[in-house]
């Protein structure tokens, strides 16, 4: 059994753990520090004694996408390379989801994210909305309820899709955005819930 007594030294993307006559452990967060769970991991490693315990702890982290452990017994070093999952949006401030809809615990540290709120059943609709709207607008928040459906809030405008994201609505939205870009005017509300067309409001939200 290899024992590790540890002291952390902060470097740009590396956290070094030095042992006294034992092992040096270096942790490389490839995506930087984005979650509180990362700082918690560093703290928890200080309480572990063996390589197996360290690996077991890493496998328990739902925010880790990929990792590698390089063990160098002759140099008395262990190098951890950790790549975290990249959240695309946060749902009800309970879970993160990445682009592949992998779910992991909401644990914000500092990140510009899209926040989604409401009783969402079909996560694919969120991805569809983000792909459609983010081509033209910066999305701050997406709301959903059973009465009015989907509402996207950006810095520039509010976009209302209704309950279903149909191909016709998508085409109406894209045609409307192209028209607005041509005339150089962005309305406060773009409402595409109607069968006969799109409602545009240039007044207050």
Protein backbone atom coordinates (compact mmCIF):
# COMPACT_ATOMS: atom_id res chain seq x y z
CA UNK A 1 0.00 0.00 0.00
CA UNK A 2 1.39 3.41 -0.98
CA UNK A 3 0.72 6.23 1.47
CA UNK A 4 0.39 9.83 0.32
CA UNK A 5 0.81 12.83 2.60
CA UNK A 6 -0.20 15.83 0.54
CA UNK A 7 0.21 19.59 0.18
CA UNK A 8 -1.55 21.40 -2.68
CA UNK A 9 0.18 24.04 -4.77
CA UNK A 10 -1.95 25.93 -7.28
CA UNK A 11 -0.66 26.35 -10.80
CA UNK A 12 -2.54 27.51 -13.87
CA UNK A 13 -4.30 24.25 -14.70
CA UNK A 14 -2.38 21.94 -12.43
CA UNK A 15 -2.80 21.09 -8.80
CA UNK A 16 0.29 19.46 -7.35
CA UNK A 17 0.17 17.22 -4.32
CA UNK A 18 3.54 16.68 -2.68
CA UNK A 19 4.27 13.88 -0.28
CA UNK A 20 7.04 13.80 2.26
CA UNK A 21 9.26 11.00 1.00
CA UNK A 22 6.28 9.33 -0.64
CA UNK A 23 4.56 10.35 -3.88
CA UNK A 24 3.90 13.53 -5.80
CA UNK A 25 0.44 13.70 -7.37
CA UNK A 26 -0.28 16.18 -10.16
CA UNK A 27 -3.86 16.88 -11.23
CA UNK A 28 -4.40 18.45 -14.63
CA UNK A 29 -7.89 19.83 -15.27
CA UNK A 30 -7.85 20.05 -19.06
CA UNK A 31 -10.90 22.35 -19.19
CA UNK A 32 -9.85 24.56 -16.30
CA UNK A 33 -11.84 24.98 -13.11
CA UNK A 34 -15.57 25.21 -13.83
CA UNK A 35 -17.29 23.36 -10.98
CA UNK A 36 -17.23 23.40 -7.20
CA UNK A 37 -16.91 19.63 -7.47
CA UNK A 38 -13.40 20.08 -8.85
CA UNK A 39 -12.19 21.96 -5.80
CA UNK A 40 -13.98 19.42 -3.62
CA UNK A 41 -12.17 16.59 -5.42
CA UNK A 42 -8.81 18.17 -4.66
CA UNK A 43 -9.73 18.48 -1.01
CA UNK A 44 -10.98 14.89 -0.78
CA UNK A 45 -7.83 13.46 -2.36
CA UNK A 46 -5.90 14.84 0.60
CA UNK A 47 -7.69 12.32 2.80
CA UNK A 48 -6.86 9.25 0.67
CA UNK A 49 -3.97 6.90 1.21
CA UNK A 50 -3.69 4.69 -1.87
CA UNK A 51 -3.76 4.86 -5.62
CA UNK A 52 -6.84 2.60 -5.70
CA UNK A 53 -8.73 4.94 -3.39
CA UNK A 54 -7.90 7.88 -5.66
CA UNK A 55 -9.15 6.02 -8.74
CA UNK A 56 -12.32 4.96 -6.94
CA UNK A 57 -13.02 8.58 -6.00
CA UNK A 58 -12.55 9.74 -9.59
CA UNK A 59 -14.96 7.11 -10.91
CA UNK A 60 -17.63 8.44 -8.55
CA UNK A 61 -17.57 11.92 -10.12
CA UNK A 62 -20.46 12.31 -12.57
CA UNK A 63 -18.97 15.52 -14.04
CA UNK A 64 -15.86 13.76 -15.37
CA UNK A 65 -16.01 12.91 -19.07
CA UNK A 66 -12.60 11.28 -19.49
CA UNK A 67 -9.59 10.72 -17.29
CA UNK A 68 -6.23 9.01 -17.29
CA UNK A 69 -3.93 8.01 -14.45
CA UNK A 70 -0.22 7.76 -15.12
CA UNK A 71 1.62 5.93 -12.38
CA UNK A 72 5.41 6.40 -12.23
CA UNK A 73 6.69 4.37 -9.26
CA UNK A 74 10.37 4.96 -9.98
CA UNK A 75 9.83 8.72 -10.00
CA UNK A 76 7.34 8.41 -7.18
CA UNK A 77 4.70 10.33 -9.15
CA UNK A 78 1.05 9.96 -10.10
CA UNK A 79 -0.34 12.20 -12.84
CA UNK A 80 -4.11 12.63 -13.21
CA UNK A 81 -5.46 14.12 -16.42
CA UNK A 82 -9.14 14.99 -16.11
CA UNK A 83 -11.50 16.27 -18.79
CA UNK A 84 -14.85 17.41 -17.48
CA UNK A 85 -18.19 17.30 -19.24
CA UNK A 86 -19.12 20.62 -20.81
CA UNK A 87 -22.61 21.73 -19.74
CA UNK A 88 -24.79 23.18 -22.49
CA UNK A 89 -27.70 24.08 -20.26
CA UNK A 90 -28.93 23.76 -16.70
CA UNK A 91 -32.44 22.41 -16.14
CA UNK A 92 -34.33 23.87 -13.17
CA UNK A 93 -30.95 24.42 -11.48
CA UNK A 94 -30.91 20.73 -10.54
CA UNK A 95 -28.97 19.07 -13.37
CA UNK A 96 -26.55 20.02 -16.11
CA UNK A 97 -26.87 18.50 -19.57
CA UNK A 98 -24.17 18.46 -22.23
CA UNK A 99 -24.66 18.44 -26.00
CA UNK A 100 -25.25 14.67 -25.91
CA UNK A 101 -27.83 15.06 -23.10
CA UNK A 102 -25.57 13.40 -20.56
CA UNK A 103 -26.90 14.43 -17.15
CA UNK A 104 -24.83 15.44 -14.15
CA UNK A 105 -25.48 17.37 -10.96
CA UNK A 106 -25.92 21.12 -11.12
CA UNK A 107 -22.84 22.55 -9.46
CA UNK A 108 -22.13 26.03 -10.73
CA UNK A 109 -18.86 27.81 -10.04
CA UNK A 110 -18.48 30.29 -12.89
CA UNK A 111 -19.94 29.58 -16.30
CA UNK A 112 -22.04 31.35 -18.89
CA UNK A 113 -24.90 28.92 -19.32
CA UNK A 114 -28.37 28.65 -20.75
CA UNK A 115 -30.86 28.17 -17.94
CA UNK A 116 -34.01 26.17 -18.71
CA UNK A 117 -37.01 26.19 -16.40
CA UNK A 118 -40.25 24.23 -16.39
CA UNK A 119 -41.72 20.72 -16.44
CA UNK A 120 -39.77 19.58 -19.49
CA UNK A 121 -40.36 16.02 -20.70
CA UNK A 122 -38.64 16.07 -24.08
CA UNK A 123 -35.03 17.20 -23.71
CA UNK A 124 -34.53 16.95 -27.46
CA UNK A 125 -36.78 20.01 -27.81
CA UNK A 126 -34.28 22.03 -25.78
CA UNK A 127 -31.43 21.03 -28.08
CA UNK A 128 -33.57 21.85 -31.10
CA UNK A 129 -34.44 25.30 -29.77
CA UNK A 130 -30.83 26.07 -28.90
CA UNK A 131 -29.63 25.00 -32.36
CA UNK A 132 -32.29 27.12 -34.07
CA UNK A 133 -32.16 30.30 -32.01
CA UNK A 134 -28.44 30.49 -31.20
CA UNK A 135 -27.64 31.03 -34.88
CA UNK A 136 -29.10 34.53 -34.56
CA UNK A 137 -29.48 35.38 -30.88
CA UNK A 138 -27.63 34.88 -27.63
CA UNK A 139 -29.86 32.79 -25.37
CA UNK A 140 -30.09 33.70 -21.70
CA UNK A 141 -33.04 31.62 -20.55
CA UNK A 142 -35.64 29.18 -21.87
CA UNK A 143 -38.99 28.77 -20.11
CA UNK A 144 -41.62 26.10 -20.63
CA UNK A 145 -45.09 25.65 -19.20
CA UNK A 146 -48.09 23.57 -20.22
CA UNK A 147 -50.21 26.62 -21.05
CA UNK A 148 -48.04 28.80 -23.31
CA UNK A 149 -45.31 26.35 -24.26
CA UNK A 150 -41.75 27.38 -25.06
CA UNK A 151 -40.43 30.89 -24.55
CA UNK A 152 -36.84 31.87 -25.30
CA UNK A 153 -35.39 34.96 -23.67
CA UNK A 154 -32.36 36.62 -25.21
CA UNK A 155 -30.73 39.99 -24.70
CA UNK A 156 -32.37 41.27 -27.88
CA UNK A 157 -35.83 39.74 -27.90
CA UNK A 158 -38.31 37.19 -26.58
CA UNK A 159 -39.25 34.33 -28.90
CA UNK A 160 -42.43 32.34 -28.32
CA UNK A 161 -42.70 28.96 -30.03
CA UNK A 162 -45.75 27.50 -28.32
CA UNK A 163 -46.01 23.90 -27.19
CA UNK A 164 -44.63 22.20 -30.30
CA UNK A 165 -41.49 22.94 -32.30
CA UNK A 166 -42.81 21.98 -35.73
CA UNK A 167 -40.92 22.27 -39.01
CA UNK A 168 -43.33 24.98 -40.12
CA UNK A 169 -42.57 27.04 -37.02
CA UNK A 170 -38.87 26.60 -37.55
CA UNK A 171 -39.15 27.80 -41.16
CA UNK A 172 -41.34 30.75 -40.12
CA UNK A 173 -38.79 31.73 -37.49
CA UNK A 174 -35.85 31.49 -39.89
CA UNK A 175 -37.68 33.47 -42.59
CA UNK A 176 -38.63 36.11 -40.04
CA UNK A 177 -35.06 36.45 -38.77
CA UNK A 178 -33.78 36.84 -42.34
CA UNK A 179 -36.35 39.57 -42.95
CA UNK A 180 -35.45 41.37 -39.72
CA UNK A 181 -31.77 41.28 -40.60
CA UNK A 182 -32.56 42.82 -43.99
CA UNK A 183 -34.49 45.74 -42.48
CA UNK A 184 -32.09 46.09 -39.57
CA UNK A 185 -34.72 46.03 -36.84
CA UNK A 186 -35.04 43.57 -33.96
CA UNK A 187 -38.44 43.48 -32.23
CA UNK A 188 -38.97 43.00 -28.52
CA UNK A 189 -41.14 39.92 -29.16
CA UNK A 190 -41.24 37.38 -31.97
CA UNK A 191 -44.32 35.18 -31.62
CA UNK A 192 -44.59 32.22 -33.97
CA UNK A 193 -47.38 30.35 -32.19
CA UNK A 194 -49.92 31.26 -34.86
CA UNK A 195 -50.87 29.06 -37.81
CA UNK A 196 -51.24 31.99 -40.20
CA UNK A 197 -47.88 33.63 -39.63
CA UNK A 198 -45.69 35.45 -37.15
CA UNK A 199 -46.59 38.26 -34.77
CA UNK A 200 -43.93 40.92 -34.15
CA UNK A 201 -44.00 43.47 -31.37
CA UNK A 202 -41.61 46.40 -31.32
CA UNK A 203 -42.91 47.74 -28.02
CA UNK A 204 -42.05 46.88 -24.45
CA UNK A 205 -41.71 43.25 -23.40
